[in-house]
Amino acid sequence: MFIAFRLKPGRDDDLINWIQSKEEGDRSYHIRQVIRQGLLQQTPAISYPAIRIEPRQIEDIKQVVKEADLEAALDAWS
């Protein structure tokens, strides 16, 4: 599985510095360890059911995201 996310300079400087302090080949290992530590220490208050998206819905979802410009809205929100 491949997961990607963005870090925004100014907002995420602490995370950017921490990641850059790790050697390039070891970064994903350290990120996985931090995620595991966080998950073991915190129990979610609400359990959500899995959402299944049918392949035919992907294009509809892409169009909604494109029209709503959700990325810009999320960046402005933080």
Protein backbone atom coordinates (compact mmCIF):
# COMPACT_ATOMS: atom_id res chain seq x y z
CA MET A 1 0.00 0.00 0.00
CA PHE A 2 1.24 3.48 -0.82
CA ILE A 3 0.03 6.49 1.15
CA ALA A 4 1.02 10.08 0.39
CA PHE A 5 0.30 13.32 2.22
CA ARG A 6 1.44 16.94 2.06
CA LEU A 7 3.25 18.94 4.68
CA LYS A 8 2.84 22.69 4.46
CA PRO A 9 5.82 24.92 5.32
CA GLY A 10 4.95 27.24 8.17
CA ARG A 11 2.24 24.93 9.49
CA ASP A 12 4.16 21.65 9.56
CA ASP A 13 7.74 22.84 10.10
CA ASP A 14 8.21 20.55 13.09
CA LEU A 15 7.22 17.49 11.05
CA ILE A 16 9.28 18.60 8.05
CA ASN A 17 12.36 19.03 10.25
CA TRP A 18 11.81 15.67 11.95
CA ILE A 19 11.42 13.84 8.63
CA GLN A 20 14.44 15.58 7.12
CA SER A 21 16.51 14.53 10.14
CA LYS A 22 16.00 10.85 9.21
CA GLU A 23 18.10 9.16 6.57
CA GLU A 24 16.26 8.83 3.29
CA GLY A 25 16.07 5.03 3.36
CA ASP A 26 14.77 4.99 6.95
CA ARG A 27 12.05 7.65 6.77
CA SER A 28 9.08 5.36 6.10
CA TYR A 29 10.21 3.04 8.91
CA HIS A 30 10.23 5.92 11.42
CA ILE A 31 6.88 7.25 10.21
CA ARG A 32 5.32 3.78 10.61
CA GLN A 33 6.72 3.48 14.13
CA VAL A 34 5.28 6.87 15.15
CA ILE A 35 1.87 5.95 13.72
CA ARG A 36 1.91 2.64 15.60
CA GLN A 37 2.87 4.37 18.86
CA GLY A 38 0.03 6.86 18.41
CA LEU A 39 -2.50 4.17 17.65
CA LEU A 40 -1.52 2.10 20.66
CA GLN A 41 -1.82 5.09 23.01
CA GLN A 42 -5.15 6.41 21.76
CA THR A 43 -8.45 4.63 21.42
CA PRO A 44 -10.90 6.32 19.05
CA ALA A 45 -14.08 7.49 20.74
CA ILE A 46 -16.23 6.54 17.74
CA SER A 47 -15.93 3.54 15.50
CA TYR A 48 -16.85 4.16 11.87
CA PRO A 49 -17.95 1.43 9.45
CA ALA A 50 -15.86 0.83 6.37
CA ILE A 51 -17.05 2.64 3.27
CA ARG A 52 -17.01 0.72 0.02
CA ILE A 53 -16.68 2.72 -3.17
CA GLU A 54 -17.58 0.96 -6.38
CA PRO A 55 -15.20 1.48 -9.33
CA ARG A 56 -17.95 3.17 -11.34
CA GLN A 57 -18.22 5.85 -8.63
CA ILE A 58 -14.57 6.92 -8.90
CA GLU A 59 -15.11 9.24 -11.90
CA ASP A 60 -18.11 10.86 -10.18
CA ILE A 61 -16.03 11.45 -7.06
CA LYS A 62 -13.16 12.90 -9.09
CA GLN A 63 -15.56 15.33 -10.75
CA VAL A 64 -17.04 16.47 -7.43
CA VAL A 65 -13.58 17.03 -5.97
CA LYS A 66 -12.49 18.96 -9.05
CA GLU A 67 -15.58 21.18 -9.00
CA ALA A 68 -15.40 21.83 -5.27
CA ASP A 69 -11.64 22.55 -5.25
CA LEU A 70 -11.49 20.74 -1.91
CA GLU A 71 -7.71 20.96 -1.64
CA ALA A 72 -7.79 24.76 -1.66
CA ALA A 73 -10.65 24.76 0.85
CA LEU A 74 -8.74 22.45 3.20
CA ASP A 75 -5.58 24.56 2.92
CA ALA A 76 -7.55 27.72 3.74
CA TRP A 77 -9.24 26.02 6.69
CA SER A 78 -6.04 25.16 8.56
